[in-house]
Amino acid sequence: DAHDNADSPYRRYYYLDENGTYETFGNRVTGMPKLNWETGPIREEVSRIMHFWAGTGIYGWRLDVANEMPRTEWMTLRQEFPDAYWIGEIWHPAPDWVYDAPYTGVMDYPLRALLLDGLIHGRLTPTELIDRILWHDLTYTTRQHQMNWSLLGSHDTPRGFSLANEARHRVDMAFVVQWGLATTPQMYYGDEIYHTGGTDPGCRTPSQCN
């Protein structure tokens, strides 16, 4: 309606010019128009949606491309859901986004990179891996680090079993270290039974139950 109707109240929700051209995520995904948090009632709409799902018993969200969210708007939303568990997808170290600002934690991809280098690929000695993990821990406060997701795999990454050339002992060692750290460990479906899968879309194949 916003695209086709110049008088649509939804025009304020997006970035449209007089020709109906609109900004999108990454400026290339036409099915994902970029939301205008500056002038449109986006925060009220997102709040309504979140309250709906909270009413069904869901009280945690994993937020995509979380460092591109408007910080002030999400801090305001956080006040409506003070006890909710919000995980932000941020690929770089992001202590300024964790705990009180505004996410509970982030997906710790830099830690994943260390686990892959040290245990999946075997590029680091045990001492080097420990040293780098300790230095990484200093990026966050203890409370922040405990809230972050540690992970070996996700829907955006090749599976650890494939990266390890199907060496189960390497995957097992990586899981032992991951689950022994003072973080919130996350297991991507199928990794516990050694799914294979390369880059997207290979990492998103259905669960192989047999």
N, C-alpha and C. Protein backbone atom coordinates (compact mmCIF):
# COMPACT_ATOMS: atom_id res chain seq x y z
N ASP A 1 0.84 -1.20 0.00
CA ASP A 1 0.00 0.00 0.00
C ASP A 1 0.87 1.26 0.00
N ALA A 2 1.93 1.24 0.79
CA ALA A 2 2.84 2.39 0.83
C ALA A 2 3.48 2.62 -0.53
N HIS A 3 3.79 1.56 -1.23
CA HIS A 3 4.45 1.66 -2.53
C HIS A 3 3.50 2.19 -3.59
N ASP A 4 2.23 1.76 -3.56
CA ASP A 4 1.30 2.07 -4.65
C ASP A 4 0.42 3.28 -4.39
N ASN A 5 0.31 3.69 -3.15
CA ASN A 5 -0.64 4.74 -2.79
C ASN A 5 0.11 5.90 -2.13
N ALA A 6 0.17 7.02 -2.83
CA ALA A 6 0.91 8.18 -2.32
C ALA A 6 0.30 8.73 -1.04
N ASP A 7 -0.98 8.46 -0.80
CA ASP A 7 -1.65 8.97 0.40
C ASP A 7 -1.71 7.94 1.52
N SER A 8 -1.03 6.82 1.35
CA SER A 8 -1.09 5.76 2.35
C SER A 8 -0.45 6.20 3.66
N PRO A 9 -1.09 5.91 4.78
CA PRO A 9 -0.48 6.23 6.08
C PRO A 9 0.80 5.43 6.32
N TYR A 10 0.97 4.35 5.57
CA TYR A 10 2.16 3.52 5.74
C TYR A 10 3.39 4.10 5.03
N ARG A 11 3.20 5.20 4.30
CA ARG A 11 4.35 5.84 3.66
C ARG A 11 5.39 6.23 4.70
N ARG A 12 4.95 6.57 5.88
CA ARG A 12 5.87 7.02 6.93
C ARG A 12 6.69 5.86 7.49
N TYR A 13 6.32 4.65 7.16
CA TYR A 13 7.01 3.49 7.70
C TYR A 13 8.33 3.20 6.97
N TYR A 14 8.47 3.76 5.76
CA TYR A 14 9.59 3.36 4.90
C TYR A 14 10.29 4.58 4.33
N TYR A 15 11.36 4.34 3.60
CA TYR A 15 12.09 5.39 2.88
C TYR A 15 11.73 5.28 1.39
N LEU A 16 10.76 6.07 0.96
CA LEU A 16 10.31 6.07 -0.44
C LEU A 16 10.51 7.45 -1.04
N ASP A 17 10.91 7.48 -2.32
CA ASP A 17 10.98 8.77 -3.00
C ASP A 17 9.72 8.96 -3.82
N GLU A 18 9.66 10.07 -4.56
CA GLU A 18 8.44 10.39 -5.31
C GLU A 18 8.15 9.40 -6.42
N ASN A 19 9.15 8.60 -6.81
CA ASN A 19 8.95 7.60 -7.86
C ASN A 19 8.55 6.24 -7.31
N GLY A 20 8.45 6.14 -5.99
CA GLY A 20 8.08 4.87 -5.38
C GLY A 20 9.27 3.95 -5.13
N THR A 21 10.48 4.44 -5.41
CA THR A 21 11.66 3.65 -5.11
C THR A 21 11.92 3.68 -3.62
N TYR A 22 12.26 2.54 -3.05
CA TYR A 22 12.43 2.46 -1.60
C TYR A 22 13.75 1.80 -1.24
N GLU A 23 14.30 2.23 -0.11
CA GLU A 23 15.53 1.62 0.40
C GLU A 23 15.23 0.25 0.98
N THR A 24 16.19 -0.66 0.85
CA THR A 24 16.01 -2.02 1.35
C THR A 24 17.23 -2.44 2.16
N PHE A 25 17.10 -3.55 2.83
CA PHE A 25 18.23 -4.12 3.55
C PHE A 25 19.34 -4.45 2.56
N GLY A 26 20.52 -3.91 2.82
CA GLY A 26 21.64 -4.16 1.93
C GLY A 26 21.49 -3.54 0.56
N ASN A 27 20.43 -2.73 0.37
CA ASN A 27 20.17 -2.08 -0.93
C ASN A 27 20.07 -3.06 -2.08
N ARG A 28 19.64 -4.28 -1.80
CA ARG A 28 19.52 -5.27 -2.87
C ARG A 28 18.41 -6.28 -2.62
N VAL A 29 17.85 -6.33 -1.45
CA VAL A 29 16.83 -7.33 -1.14
C VAL A 29 15.46 -6.66 -1.21
N THR A 30 14.82 -6.72 -2.36
CA THR A 30 13.60 -5.95 -2.59
C THR A 30 12.47 -6.35 -1.66
N GLY A 31 12.49 -7.59 -1.17
CA GLY A 31 11.42 -8.04 -0.28
C GLY A 31 11.61 -7.64 1.16
N MET A 32 12.67 -6.86 1.45
CA MET A 32 12.94 -6.44 2.82
C MET A 32 13.12 -4.91 2.87
N PRO A 33 12.02 -4.15 2.76
CA PRO A 33 12.14 -2.69 2.81
C PRO A 33 12.72 -2.22 4.14
N LYS A 34 13.54 -1.19 4.07
CA LYS A 34 14.16 -0.62 5.27
C LYS A 34 13.13 0.22 6.02
N LEU A 35 13.02 -0.02 7.33
CA LEU A 35 12.04 0.69 8.14
C LEU A 35 12.56 2.06 8.56
N ASN A 36 11.66 3.03 8.55
CA ASN A 36 12.00 4.40 8.92
C ASN A 36 11.64 4.64 10.39
N TRP A 37 12.61 4.48 11.27
CA TRP A 37 12.39 4.67 12.69
C TRP A 37 12.31 6.15 13.05
N GLU A 38 12.69 7.05 12.17
CA GLU A 38 12.77 8.46 12.49
C GLU A 38 11.41 9.15 12.47
N THR A 39 10.59 8.84 11.48
CA THR A 39 9.32 9.55 11.35
C THR A 39 8.10 8.64 11.47
N GLY A 40 8.27 7.36 11.19
CA GLY A 40 7.13 6.45 11.23
C GLY A 40 6.90 5.87 12.60
N PRO A 41 5.70 5.36 12.86
CA PRO A 41 5.38 4.77 14.18
C PRO A 41 5.89 3.34 14.29
N ILE A 42 7.16 3.14 13.93
CA ILE A 42 7.71 1.79 13.89
C ILE A 42 7.84 1.21 15.29
N ARG A 43 8.33 2.00 16.24
CA ARG A 43 8.54 1.46 17.58
C ARG A 43 7.23 0.97 18.18
N GLU A 44 6.14 1.71 17.97
CA GLU A 44 4.84 1.28 18.50
C GLU A 44 4.39 -0.02 17.85
N GLU A 45 4.66 -0.16 16.55
CA GLU A 45 4.28 -1.38 15.84
C GLU A 45 5.10 -2.58 16.33
N VAL A 46 6.41 -2.39 16.48
CA VAL A 46 7.26 -3.46 16.97
C VAL A 46 6.89 -3.83 18.40
N SER A 47 6.59 -2.82 19.21
CA SER A 47 6.17 -3.07 20.59
C SER A 47 4.90 -3.91 20.62
N ARG A 48 3.94 -3.58 19.76
CA ARG A 48 2.68 -4.34 19.71
C ARG A 48 2.94 -5.79 19.35
N ILE A 49 3.81 -6.02 18.36
CA ILE A 49 4.11 -7.38 17.92
C ILE A 49 4.80 -8.17 19.04
N MET A 50 5.77 -7.53 19.70
CA MET A 50 6.49 -8.22 20.77
C MET A 50 5.58 -8.53 21.95
N HIS A 51 4.69 -7.61 22.28
CA HIS A 51 3.76 -7.87 23.38
C HIS A 51 2.81 -9.02 23.03
N PHE A 52 2.44 -9.11 21.76
CA PHE A 52 1.59 -10.22 21.34
C PHE A 52 2.29 -11.55 21.62
N TRP A 53 3.53 -11.67 21.17
CA TRP A 53 4.25 -12.93 21.35
C TRP A 53 4.61 -13.18 22.81
N ALA A 54 4.90 -12.13 23.54
CA ALA A 54 5.16 -12.30 24.97
C ALA A 54 3.93 -12.86 25.66
N GLY A 55 2.74 -12.46 25.18
CA GLY A 55 1.51 -12.97 25.75
C GLY A 55 1.28 -14.44 25.50
N THR A 56 1.98 -15.03 24.52
CA THR A 56 1.87 -16.46 24.25
C THR A 56 2.89 -17.27 25.04
N GLY A 57 3.75 -16.57 25.80
CA GLY A 57 4.76 -17.26 26.59
C GLY A 57 6.16 -17.16 26.03
N ILE A 58 6.31 -16.55 24.84
CA ILE A 58 7.64 -16.36 24.26
C ILE A 58 8.23 -15.07 24.80
N TYR A 59 9.39 -15.17 25.43
CA TYR A 59 9.95 -13.98 26.05
C TYR A 59 11.44 -13.84 25.76
N GLY A 60 11.82 -14.33 24.60
CA GLY A 60 13.19 -14.17 24.17
C GLY A 60 13.25 -14.06 22.66
N TRP A 61 14.15 -13.24 22.16
CA TRP A 61 14.29 -13.04 20.73
C TRP A 61 15.76 -13.01 20.34
N ARG A 62 16.04 -13.56 19.18
CA ARG A 62 17.35 -13.40 18.56
C ARG A 62 17.16 -12.39 17.44
N LEU A 63 17.87 -11.27 17.51
CA LEU A 63 17.65 -10.13 16.63
C LEU A 63 18.71 -10.08 15.53
N ASP A 64 18.23 -10.11 14.30
CA ASP A 64 19.12 -10.18 13.15
C ASP A 64 19.79 -8.83 12.89
N VAL A 65 21.04 -8.88 12.43
CA VAL A 65 21.79 -7.67 12.07
C VAL A 65 21.63 -6.61 13.16
N ALA A 66 21.88 -7.00 14.39
CA ALA A 66 21.46 -6.21 15.55
C ALA A 66 22.20 -4.90 15.71
N ASN A 67 23.41 -4.79 15.18
CA ASN A 67 24.14 -3.53 15.31
C ASN A 67 23.65 -2.47 14.34
N GLU A 68 22.72 -2.81 13.46
CA GLU A 68 22.12 -1.81 12.58
C GLU A 68 20.78 -1.31 13.13
N MET A 69 20.38 -1.78 14.31
CA MET A 69 19.18 -1.30 14.96
C MET A 69 19.44 0.09 15.54
N PRO A 70 18.42 0.96 15.59
CA PRO A 70 18.59 2.27 16.23
C PRO A 70 18.66 2.10 17.75
N ARG A 71 19.80 2.42 18.32
CA ARG A 71 20.05 2.14 19.72
C ARG A 71 19.01 2.79 20.65
N THR A 72 18.69 4.06 20.43
CA THR A 72 17.78 4.75 21.35
C THR A 72 16.39 4.12 21.32
N GLU A 73 15.93 3.72 20.15
CA GLU A 73 14.60 3.10 20.05
C GLU A 73 14.59 1.75 20.76
N TRP A 74 15.65 0.98 20.60
CA TRP A 74 15.68 -0.34 21.23
C TRP A 74 15.90 -0.24 22.73
N MET A 75 16.57 0.81 23.19
CA MET A 75 16.68 1.02 24.63
C MET A 75 15.31 1.33 25.22
N THR A 76 14.50 2.09 24.49
CA THR A 76 13.14 2.38 24.94
C THR A 76 12.30 1.11 24.98
N LEU A 77 12.41 0.29 23.94
CA LEU A 77 11.69 -0.98 23.92
C LEU A 77 12.14 -1.89 25.05
N ARG A 78 13.42 -1.87 25.36
CA ARG A 78 13.95 -2.72 26.43
C ARG A 78 13.26 -2.43 27.75
N GLN A 79 12.88 -1.20 27.99
CA GLN A 79 12.20 -0.85 29.23
C GLN A 79 10.83 -1.53 29.35
N GLU A 80 10.25 -1.89 28.22
CA GLU A 80 8.97 -2.60 28.24
C GLU A 80 9.15 -4.09 28.50
N PHE A 81 10.35 -4.60 28.28
CA PHE A 81 10.63 -6.02 28.44
C PHE A 81 11.92 -6.19 29.26
N PRO A 82 11.92 -5.76 30.49
CA PRO A 82 13.17 -5.74 31.27
C PRO A 82 13.76 -7.12 31.54
N ASP A 83 12.93 -8.15 31.55
CA ASP A 83 13.41 -9.49 31.87
C ASP A 83 13.55 -10.39 30.65
N ALA A 84 13.27 -9.85 29.47
CA ALA A 84 13.35 -10.66 28.26
C ALA A 84 14.81 -10.94 27.90
N TYR A 85 15.02 -12.06 27.21
CA TYR A 85 16.37 -12.46 26.78
C TYR A 85 16.52 -12.09 25.32
N TRP A 86 17.28 -11.03 25.05
CA TRP A 86 17.49 -10.54 23.70
C TRP A 86 18.93 -10.83 23.28
N ILE A 87 19.09 -11.60 22.21
CA ILE A 87 20.41 -11.90 21.68
C ILE A 87 20.57 -11.18 20.34
N GLY A 88 21.63 -10.38 20.23
CA GLY A 88 21.88 -9.66 19.00
C GLY A 88 22.89 -10.38 18.13
N GLU A 89 22.58 -10.47 16.84
CA GLU A 89 23.52 -11.04 15.89
C GLU A 89 24.49 -9.93 15.47
N ILE A 90 25.68 -9.96 16.05
CA ILE A 90 26.73 -9.01 15.72
C ILE A 90 28.01 -9.81 15.54
N TRP A 91 28.68 -9.63 14.42
CA TRP A 91 29.80 -10.50 14.06
C TRP A 91 31.13 -10.03 14.62
N HIS A 92 31.20 -8.83 15.12
CA HIS A 92 32.46 -8.31 15.66
C HIS A 92 32.31 -8.11 17.17
N PRO A 93 33.41 -7.90 17.91
CA PRO A 93 33.28 -7.62 19.34
C PRO A 93 32.36 -6.43 19.57
N ALA A 94 31.42 -6.58 20.50
CA ALA A 94 30.38 -5.55 20.65
C ALA A 94 29.98 -5.35 22.11
N PRO A 95 30.94 -5.04 23.00
CA PRO A 95 30.56 -4.85 24.41
C PRO A 95 29.62 -3.68 24.63
N ASP A 96 29.61 -2.71 23.71
CA ASP A 96 28.74 -1.55 23.87
C ASP A 96 27.28 -1.86 23.56
N TRP A 97 27.00 -3.08 23.08
CA TRP A 97 25.62 -3.46 22.79
C TRP A 97 25.05 -4.45 23.82
N VAL A 98 25.86 -4.86 24.80
CA VAL A 98 25.47 -5.98 25.67
C VAL A 98 25.03 -5.51 27.04
N TYR A 99 24.09 -6.25 27.57
CA TYR A 99 23.54 -6.16 28.92
C TYR A 99 22.64 -4.96 29.09
N ASP A 100 23.16 -3.77 29.31
CA ASP A 100 22.29 -2.61 29.51
C ASP A 100 22.18 -1.75 28.26
N ALA A 101 22.69 -2.24 27.12
CA ALA A 101 22.81 -1.33 26.00
C ALA A 101 22.66 -1.97 24.61
N PRO A 102 21.52 -2.41 24.18
CA PRO A 102 20.32 -2.75 24.92
C PRO A 102 20.08 -4.26 25.00
N TYR A 103 21.02 -5.09 24.45
CA TYR A 103 20.76 -6.53 24.38
C TYR A 103 21.27 -7.26 25.61
N THR A 104 20.66 -8.40 25.88
CA THR A 104 21.14 -9.23 26.98
C THR A 104 22.51 -9.80 26.66
N GLY A 105 22.71 -10.18 25.43
CA GLY A 105 23.98 -10.71 24.98
C GLY A 105 24.04 -10.68 23.47
N VAL A 106 25.18 -11.10 22.91
CA VAL A 106 25.34 -11.17 21.47
C VAL A 106 25.85 -12.56 21.09
N MET A 107 25.70 -12.91 19.82
CA MET A 107 26.30 -14.13 19.29
C MET A 107 27.80 -13.88 19.16
N ASP A 108 28.60 -14.64 19.85
CA ASP A 108 30.03 -14.35 19.95
C ASP A 108 30.79 -15.03 18.81
N TYR A 109 30.72 -14.44 17.63
CA TYR A 109 31.42 -14.98 16.47
C TYR A 109 32.94 -14.88 16.61
N PRO A 110 33.50 -13.82 17.22
CA PRO A 110 34.96 -13.82 17.41
C PRO A 110 35.45 -15.00 18.26
N LEU A 111 34.68 -15.38 19.29
CA LEU A 111 35.05 -16.55 20.07
C LEU A 111 34.96 -17.81 19.22
N ARG A 112 33.94 -17.89 18.39
CA ARG A 112 33.82 -19.03 17.47
C ARG A 112 35.06 -19.14 16.60
N ALA A 113 35.55 -18.01 16.10
CA ALA A 113 36.74 -18.03 15.24
C ALA A 113 37.94 -18.62 15.98
N LEU A 114 38.07 -18.30 17.26
CA LEU A 114 39.17 -18.86 18.06
C LEU A 114 39.01 -20.37 18.22
N LEU A 115 37.79 -20.83 18.49
CA LEU A 115 37.56 -22.26 18.66
C LEU A 115 37.84 -23.01 17.35
N LEU A 116 37.46 -22.40 16.24
CA LEU A 116 37.74 -23.05 14.96
C LEU A 116 39.25 -23.12 14.71
N ASP A 117 39.95 -22.01 14.92
CA ASP A 117 41.39 -21.99 14.67
C ASP A 117 42.13 -22.99 15.56
N GLY A 118 41.73 -23.02 16.84
CA GLY A 118 42.47 -23.84 17.77
C GLY A 118 42.11 -25.31 17.75
N LEU A 119 40.83 -25.63 17.53
CA LEU A 119 40.38 -27.01 17.72
C LEU A 119 39.84 -27.69 16.47
N ILE A 120 39.17 -26.94 15.61
CA ILE A 120 38.66 -27.53 14.38
C ILE A 120 39.76 -27.62 13.32
N HIS A 121 40.51 -26.54 13.15
CA HIS A 121 41.57 -26.51 12.14
C HIS A 121 42.95 -26.87 12.72
N GLY A 122 43.12 -26.79 14.04
CA GLY A 122 44.39 -27.13 14.65
C GLY A 122 45.52 -26.17 14.33
N ARG A 123 45.18 -24.89 14.15
CA ARG A 123 46.19 -23.90 13.79
C ARG A 123 46.88 -23.28 15.00
N LEU A 124 46.33 -23.51 16.20
CA LEU A 124 46.89 -22.93 17.42
C LEU A 124 47.30 -24.05 18.37
N THR A 125 48.36 -23.81 19.11
CA THR A 125 48.72 -24.73 20.18
C THR A 125 47.74 -24.53 21.32
N PRO A 126 47.62 -25.49 22.24
CA PRO A 126 46.74 -25.30 23.39
C PRO A 126 47.05 -24.01 24.17
N THR A 127 48.33 -23.71 24.34
CA THR A 127 48.70 -22.49 25.07
C THR A 127 48.26 -21.25 24.32
N GLU A 128 48.46 -21.24 23.01
CA GLU A 128 48.03 -20.09 22.20
C GLU A 128 46.52 -19.91 22.27
N LEU A 129 45.78 -21.02 22.21
CA LEU A 129 44.32 -20.93 22.28
C LEU A 129 43.87 -20.36 23.62
N ILE A 130 44.44 -20.86 24.70
CA ILE A 130 44.08 -20.37 26.03
C ILE A 130 44.38 -18.88 26.15
N ASP A 131 45.56 -18.47 25.70
CA ASP A 131 45.93 -17.05 25.78
C ASP A 131 44.96 -16.18 25.01
N ARG A 132 44.58 -16.62 23.82
CA ARG A 132 43.69 -15.79 22.99
C ARG A 132 42.28 -15.75 23.56
N ILE A 133 41.83 -16.85 24.14
CA ILE A 133 40.51 -16.84 24.78
C ILE A 133 40.52 -15.90 25.98
N LEU A 134 41.60 -15.91 26.76
CA LEU A 134 41.69 -15.03 27.92
C LEU A 134 41.70 -13.57 27.49
N TRP A 135 42.44 -13.26 26.42
CA TRP A 135 42.43 -11.89 25.92
C TRP A 135 41.04 -11.52 25.40
N HIS A 136 40.38 -12.47 24.73
CA HIS A 136 39.02 -12.21 24.24
C HIS A 136 38.07 -11.93 25.40
N ASP A 137 38.23 -12.66 26.48
CA ASP A 137 37.34 -12.47 27.63
C ASP A 137 37.41 -11.04 28.16
N LEU A 138 38.56 -10.40 28.02
CA LEU A 138 38.72 -9.03 28.51
C LEU A 138 37.93 -8.02 27.70
N THR A 139 37.42 -8.46 26.53
CA THR A 139 36.59 -7.57 25.72
C THR A 139 35.29 -7.21 26.45
N TYR A 140 34.80 -8.14 27.25
CA TYR A 140 33.52 -7.97 27.93
C TYR A 140 33.72 -8.03 29.45
N THR A 141 32.77 -7.46 30.16
CA THR A 141 32.74 -7.69 31.60
C THR A 141 32.32 -9.13 31.86
N THR A 142 32.52 -9.60 33.07
CA THR A 142 32.13 -10.98 33.41
C THR A 142 30.65 -11.20 33.17
N ARG A 143 29.83 -10.24 33.57
CA ARG A 143 28.38 -10.40 33.41
C ARG A 143 28.00 -10.43 31.93
N GLN A 144 28.63 -9.58 31.12
CA GLN A 144 28.36 -9.58 29.69
C GLN A 144 28.76 -10.92 29.07
N HIS A 145 29.95 -11.37 29.43
CA HIS A 145 30.45 -12.61 28.85
C HIS A 145 29.53 -13.78 29.18
N GLN A 146 28.98 -13.81 30.38
CA GLN A 146 28.08 -14.90 30.77
C GLN A 146 26.80 -14.90 29.96
N MET A 147 26.37 -13.74 29.49
CA MET A 147 25.13 -13.63 28.73
C MET A 147 25.31 -13.89 27.24
N ASN A 148 26.54 -13.78 26.74
CA ASN A 148 26.77 -13.98 25.31
C ASN A 148 26.59 -15.43 24.91
N TRP A 149 26.10 -15.63 23.69
CA TRP A 149 26.05 -16.97 23.12
C TRP A 149 27.42 -17.36 22.61
N SER A 150 27.93 -18.50 23.07
CA SER A 150 29.08 -19.12 22.40
C SER A 150 28.52 -20.13 21.41
N LEU A 151 29.17 -20.24 20.28
CA LEU A 151 28.62 -21.10 19.23
C LEU A 151 29.75 -21.66 18.37
N LEU A 152 29.48 -22.82 17.78
CA LEU A 152 30.35 -23.38 16.76
C LEU A 152 29.72 -23.29 15.39
N GLY A 153 28.41 -23.29 15.33
CA GLY A 153 27.72 -23.24 14.05
C GLY A 153 26.47 -22.41 14.14
N SER A 154 26.02 -21.96 12.97
CA SER A 154 24.76 -21.22 12.87
C SER A 154 24.24 -21.38 11.45
N HIS A 155 23.09 -20.78 11.18
CA HIS A 155 22.50 -20.87 9.85
C HIS A 155 23.30 -20.11 8.81
N ASP A 156 24.30 -19.32 9.24
CA ASP A 156 25.11 -18.53 8.31
C ASP A 156 26.51 -19.08 8.10
N THR A 157 26.85 -20.18 8.76
CA THR A 157 28.24 -20.65 8.72
C THR A 157 28.31 -22.13 8.33
N PRO A 158 29.40 -22.55 7.69
CA PRO A 158 29.59 -23.98 7.43
C PRO A 158 29.62 -24.76 8.75
N ARG A 159 29.17 -25.98 8.69
CA ARG A 159 29.13 -26.79 9.91
C ARG A 159 30.53 -27.21 10.35
N GLY A 160 30.70 -27.25 11.67
CA GLY A 160 31.99 -27.59 12.23
C GLY A 160 32.49 -28.95 11.79
N PHE A 161 31.60 -29.91 11.64
CA PHE A 161 32.00 -31.26 11.25
C PHE A 161 32.61 -31.26 9.85
N SER A 162 32.03 -30.45 8.95
CA SER A 162 32.58 -30.33 7.61
C SER A 162 33.91 -29.59 7.63
N LEU A 163 33.99 -28.51 8.43
CA LEU A 163 35.24 -27.76 8.52
C LEU A 163 36.37 -28.60 9.10
N ALA A 164 36.01 -29.56 9.96
CA ALA A 164 37.01 -30.45 10.56
C ALA A 164 37.32 -31.65 9.69
N ASN A 165 36.84 -31.62 8.43
CA ASN A 165 37.04 -32.76 7.52
C ASN A 165 36.50 -34.05 8.13
N GLU A 166 35.38 -33.91 8.84
CA GLU A 166 34.63 -35.01 9.45
C GLU A 166 35.46 -35.76 10.50
N ALA A 167 36.35 -35.04 11.17
CA ALA A 167 37.09 -35.61 12.29
C ALA A 167 36.30 -35.36 13.57
N ARG A 168 35.63 -36.39 14.04
CA ARG A 168 34.73 -36.22 15.19
C ARG A 168 35.46 -35.76 16.44
N HIS A 169 36.69 -36.23 16.64
CA HIS A 169 37.40 -35.88 17.87
C HIS A 169 37.65 -34.38 17.94
N ARG A 170 37.85 -33.73 16.77
CA ARG A 170 38.06 -32.28 16.78
C ARG A 170 36.77 -31.54 17.17
N VAL A 171 35.65 -31.99 16.62
CA VAL A 171 34.37 -31.38 16.98
C VAL A 171 34.07 -31.61 18.46
N ASP A 172 34.34 -32.81 18.95
CA ASP A 172 34.09 -33.11 20.36
C ASP A 172 34.93 -32.23 21.27
N MET A 173 36.20 -32.03 20.93
CA MET A 173 37.05 -31.16 21.75
C MET A 173 36.53 -29.73 21.75
N ALA A 174 36.09 -29.27 20.58
CA ALA A 174 35.57 -27.90 20.49
C ALA A 174 34.33 -27.73 21.35
N PHE A 175 33.46 -28.74 21.36
CA PHE A 175 32.26 -28.66 22.20
C PHE A 175 32.62 -28.68 23.68
N VAL A 176 33.59 -29.48 24.06
CA VAL A 176 34.00 -29.53 25.47
C VAL A 176 34.48 -28.17 25.93
N VAL A 177 35.31 -27.52 25.12
CA VAL A 177 35.81 -26.20 25.49
C VAL A 177 34.66 -25.18 25.48
N GLN A 178 33.83 -25.21 24.43
CA GLN A 178 32.72 -24.26 24.34
C GLN A 178 31.81 -24.34 25.56
N TRP A 179 31.43 -25.56 25.93
CA TRP A 179 30.48 -25.74 27.03
C TRP A 179 31.15 -25.58 28.40
N GLY A 180 32.47 -25.53 28.41
CA GLY A 180 33.17 -25.31 29.67
C GLY A 180 33.45 -23.85 29.96
N LEU A 181 33.21 -22.99 29.00
CA LEU A 181 33.45 -21.56 29.19
C LEU A 181 32.29 -20.92 29.95
N ALA A 182 32.56 -19.78 30.55
CA ALA A 182 31.53 -19.07 31.33
C ALA A 182 30.68 -18.20 30.41
N THR A 183 30.04 -18.86 29.43
CA THR A 183 29.16 -18.18 28.48
C THR A 183 27.81 -18.91 28.49
N THR A 184 26.94 -18.50 27.59
CA THR A 184 25.69 -19.24 27.37
C THR A 184 25.85 -20.03 26.08
N PRO A 185 26.13 -21.33 26.16
CA PRO A 185 26.41 -22.10 24.94
C PRO A 185 25.15 -22.33 24.11
N GLN A 186 25.35 -22.27 22.81
CA GLN A 186 24.25 -22.48 21.86
C GLN A 186 24.63 -23.63 20.94
N MET A 187 23.72 -24.58 20.75
CA MET A 187 23.95 -25.72 19.87
C MET A 187 23.05 -25.58 18.64
N TYR A 188 23.63 -25.49 17.48
CA TYR A 188 22.87 -25.42 16.23
C TYR A 188 22.37 -26.82 15.88
N TYR A 189 21.09 -26.90 15.51
CA TYR A 189 20.48 -28.21 15.30
C TYR A 189 21.33 -29.08 14.36
N GLY A 190 21.47 -30.33 14.74
CA GLY A 190 22.21 -31.28 13.92
C GLY A 190 23.68 -31.38 14.23
N ASP A 191 24.25 -30.34 14.85
CA ASP A 191 25.67 -30.42 15.17
C ASP A 191 25.95 -31.50 16.21
N GLU A 192 24.95 -31.79 17.04
CA GLU A 192 25.16 -32.80 18.07
C GLU A 192 25.22 -34.21 17.50
N ILE A 193 24.78 -34.39 16.25
CA ILE A 193 24.88 -35.70 15.60
C ILE A 193 25.72 -35.60 14.33
N TYR A 194 26.60 -34.60 14.31
CA TYR A 194 27.61 -34.48 13.26
C TYR A 194 27.01 -34.29 11.86
N HIS A 195 26.10 -33.33 11.74
CA HIS A 195 25.62 -32.96 10.41
C HIS A 195 26.78 -32.41 9.59
N THR A 196 26.74 -32.63 8.29
CA THR A 196 27.66 -31.97 7.37
C THR A 196 26.92 -30.83 6.68
N GLY A 197 27.68 -29.91 6.16
CA GLY A 197 27.07 -28.79 5.44
C GLY A 197 28.09 -27.68 5.21
N GLY A 198 28.12 -27.19 3.99
CA GLY A 198 29.04 -26.13 3.65
C GLY A 198 28.44 -24.76 3.83
N THR A 199 28.85 -23.83 3.00
CA THR A 199 28.34 -22.46 3.10
C THR A 199 26.87 -22.43 2.72
N ASP A 200 26.21 -21.35 3.09
CA ASP A 200 24.79 -21.15 2.81
C ASP A 200 24.51 -21.39 1.32
N PRO A 201 23.55 -22.25 0.97
CA PRO A 201 22.51 -22.85 1.82
C PRO A 201 22.85 -24.23 2.39
N GLY A 202 24.07 -24.69 2.19
CA GLY A 202 24.42 -26.03 2.65
C GLY A 202 24.30 -26.20 4.15
N CYS A 203 24.48 -25.10 4.90
CA CYS A 203 24.38 -25.17 6.36
C CYS A 203 22.95 -25.16 6.86
N ARG A 204 21.98 -25.05 5.95
CA ARG A 204 20.56 -24.96 6.37
C ARG A 204 19.75 -26.16 5.93
N THR A 205 20.39 -27.25 5.57
CA THR A 205 19.66 -28.42 5.13
C THR A 205 18.83 -29.01 6.26
N PRO A 206 17.75 -29.75 5.94
CA PRO A 206 16.91 -30.32 6.99
C PRO A 206 17.68 -31.28 7.89
N SER A 207 17.15 -31.49 9.07
CA SER A 207 17.79 -32.38 10.04
C SER A 207 17.86 -33.80 9.50
N GLN A 208 19.01 -34.42 9.65
CA GLN A 208 19.26 -35.77 9.17
C GLN A 208 19.12 -36.74 10.35
N CYS A 209 17.91 -37.19 10.61
CA CYS A 209 17.63 -37.95 11.85
C CYS A 209 18.27 -39.32 11.85
N ASN A 210 18.59 -39.86 10.71
CA ASN A 210 19.17 -41.21 10.68
C ASN A 210 20.69 -41.14 10.59
